[in-house]
Amino acid sequence: MERKEIITLLGNAKKGMKFIAIDPPDICRSCKLFSICLEKLVPGRKYEVIEVRDKQHYCQLSNEKINIVKVIEEPIEIALRKQIAIEGAIIKFSWSECNEFKCKLRDLCKPLGLNIGDRIKIIKILEDISEMAFCGKEIVKAKVIIL
């Protein structure tokens, strides 16, 4: 399954560059370019620039010229219960019921930019990380894409 390509705007863009989308400031929301700039990006998700076009626009926020770029969302690493972690499977994401703030897996269990109910495709099981989990559950680290 191919990752969706998104046309957006980015300053100092270079092919292969990776970035994390931010929550757009108010000045951006009133900009005439907002619909082709930040509106299509999900705050907290990581993207990779796959094409930089020559056409440029002026950005009110940065006071610089920005390029039209084509980006794809990067796969992310998350923690999944071992019994549902099957390569190629498409599932709805849900958090682990863990409230242990000191757990080393917290960022994998509740990854930035991934929301409850998001459809994800498991592309690779990376490793068993059960021994690191405070919750005592059987957990693996997996690479997924958000559909």
Protein backbone atom coordinates (compact mmCIF):
# COMPACT_ATOMS: atom_id res chain seq x y z
CA MET A 1 0.00 0.00 0.00
CA GLU A 2 1.48 3.31 -1.08
CA ARG A 3 1.73 6.17 1.35
CA LYS A 4 -0.35 9.18 0.43
CA GLU A 5 1.56 12.07 -1.14
CA ILE A 6 0.67 15.54 0.14
CA ILE A 7 1.39 18.87 -1.52
CA THR A 8 2.31 21.53 1.04
CA LEU A 9 4.63 24.51 1.55
CA LEU A 10 7.97 24.49 3.35
CA GLY A 11 10.87 26.90 3.82
CA ASN A 12 14.47 25.86 3.09
CA ALA A 13 13.18 22.56 1.73
CA LYS A 14 15.47 19.87 0.39
CA LYS A 15 14.60 16.42 -0.94
CA GLY A 16 14.97 13.83 1.82
CA MET A 17 14.47 16.40 4.58
CA LYS A 18 12.30 15.20 7.47
CA PHE A 19 10.19 17.33 9.79
CA ILE A 20 7.45 17.12 12.39
CA ALA A 21 4.32 19.15 11.69
CA ILE A 22 3.31 21.69 14.31
CA ASP A 23 -0.06 23.00 15.40
CA PRO A 24 -0.55 26.04 13.12
CA PRO A 25 -0.32 29.46 14.80
CA ASP A 26 -3.32 31.82 14.45
CA ILE A 27 -1.53 33.94 11.82
CA CYS A 28 -1.38 30.87 9.57
CA ARG A 29 -5.09 30.09 9.88
CA SER A 30 -6.01 33.47 8.37
CA CYS A 31 -3.45 33.20 5.53
CA LYS A 32 -4.73 32.67 1.98
CA LEU A 33 -2.17 29.84 1.58
CA PHE A 34 -3.28 27.90 4.68
CA SER A 35 -5.28 25.34 2.68
CA ILE A 36 -2.17 24.27 0.73
CA CYS A 37 0.27 24.80 3.58
CA LEU A 38 -0.35 23.49 7.09
CA GLU A 39 -4.01 22.50 6.83
CA LYS A 40 -3.26 19.09 5.28
CA LEU A 41 -0.58 18.16 7.83
CA VAL A 42 -1.37 16.52 11.16
CA PRO A 43 0.42 18.13 14.13
CA GLY A 44 2.92 15.77 15.72
CA ARG A 45 3.33 13.54 12.68
CA LYS A 46 6.64 13.16 10.87
CA TYR A 47 6.93 13.82 7.14
CA GLU A 48 9.64 13.42 4.49
CA VAL A 49 10.10 15.75 1.52
CA ILE A 50 10.14 13.69 -1.69
CA GLU A 51 10.01 16.54 -4.21
CA VAL A 52 10.82 20.26 -4.14
CA ARG A 53 9.27 22.41 -6.83
CA ASP A 54 10.70 25.69 -8.13
CA LYS A 55 7.53 27.71 -7.47
CA GLN A 56 7.76 29.80 -4.32
CA HIS A 57 5.37 31.80 -2.16
CA TYR A 58 5.90 34.33 0.61
CA CYS A 59 5.24 33.20 4.20
CA GLN A 60 3.78 35.80 6.58
CA LEU A 61 4.97 33.86 9.62
CA SER A 62 8.64 33.39 8.71
CA ASN A 63 8.93 36.45 6.42
CA GLU A 64 10.69 34.20 3.92
CA LYS A 65 10.03 32.54 0.61
CA ILE A 66 8.76 28.98 0.89
CA ASN A 67 8.68 26.22 -1.72
CA ILE A 68 5.87 24.04 -2.90
CA VAL A 69 6.86 20.52 -1.85
CA LYS A 70 5.50 17.00 -2.05
CA VAL A 71 5.77 15.04 1.20
CA ILE A 72 4.87 11.60 2.51
CA GLU A 73 4.14 10.64 6.08
CA GLU A 74 6.97 8.71 7.68
CA PRO A 75 6.33 5.31 9.24
CA ILE A 76 6.37 5.50 13.03
CA GLU A 77 7.48 3.06 15.70
CA ILE A 78 4.89 2.10 18.30
CA ALA A 79 4.31 -0.52 20.98
CA LEU A 80 1.58 -3.08 20.27
CA ARG A 81 0.20 -6.02 22.18
CA LYS A 82 1.92 -9.12 20.84
CA GLN A 83 -1.34 -10.96 20.03
CA ILE A 84 -2.49 -8.28 17.53
CA ALA A 85 0.91 -7.50 16.01
CA ILE A 86 0.78 -9.17 12.59
CA GLU A 87 2.77 -7.77 9.67
CA GLY A 88 0.42 -6.52 6.97
CA ALA A 89 -2.57 -6.23 9.32
CA ILE A 90 -4.70 -3.09 9.30
CA ILE A 91 -6.04 -2.22 12.74
CA LYS A 92 -7.48 0.71 14.68
CA PHE A 93 -4.99 2.16 17.12
CA SER A 94 -5.80 2.34 20.83
CA TRP A 95 -3.62 3.27 23.79
CA SER A 96 -2.38 0.90 26.38
CA GLU A 97 -4.20 1.38 29.71
CA CYS A 98 -0.91 2.22 31.43
CA ASN A 99 -0.51 5.34 33.55
CA GLU A 100 3.06 4.65 34.61
CA PHE A 101 4.90 7.88 33.79
CA LYS A 102 8.34 6.39 34.47
CA CYS A 103 7.95 3.58 31.92
CA LYS A 104 10.59 3.70 29.17
CA LEU A 105 7.96 2.60 26.63
CA ARG A 106 5.55 5.50 27.26
CA ASP A 107 6.47 7.30 24.01
CA LEU A 108 5.95 4.07 22.05
CA CYS A 109 2.64 3.25 23.75
CA LYS A 110 1.26 6.76 23.32
CA PRO A 111 3.15 8.12 20.30
CA LEU A 112 2.89 11.79 19.38
CA GLY A 113 0.62 12.36 16.38
CA LEU A 114 -1.22 9.04 16.61
CA ASN A 115 -4.77 9.18 17.94
CA ILE A 116 -7.18 6.57 19.28
CA GLY A 117 -9.15 5.16 16.35
CA ASP A 118 -6.55 6.00 13.67
CA ARG A 119 -6.31 3.20 11.11
CA ILE A 120 -2.78 1.88 10.89
CA LYS A 121 -1.03 -0.76 8.82
CA ILE A 122 1.64 -2.81 10.53
CA ILE A 123 4.57 -2.95 8.14
CA LYS A 124 7.23 -4.57 10.31
CA ILE A 125 7.56 -6.18 13.72
CA LEU A 126 10.90 -4.94 15.05
CA GLU A 127 11.44 -6.63 18.43
CA ASP A 128 9.85 -8.01 21.58
CA ILE A 129 9.98 -5.32 24.29
CA SER A 130 7.84 -7.06 26.92
CA GLU A 131 10.62 -7.14 29.51
CA MET A 132 10.79 -3.31 29.49
CA ALA A 133 7.05 -2.82 30.09
CA PHE A 134 5.88 -1.78 33.56
CA CYS A 135 2.40 -3.12 32.76
CA GLY A 136 3.56 -6.73 32.49
CA LYS A 137 1.89 -7.20 29.09
CA GLU A 138 3.48 -8.97 26.14
CA ILE A 139 4.45 -6.08 23.87
CA VAL A 140 6.40 -5.71 20.63
CA LYS A 141 7.84 -2.67 18.91
CA ALA A 142 6.40 -2.31 15.40
CA LYS A 143 6.77 0.06 12.48
CA VAL A 144 3.41 1.29 11.16
CA ILE A 145 1.96 3.72 8.66
CA ILE A 146 -1.16 5.72 9.32
CA LEU A 147 -3.85 5.22 6.68
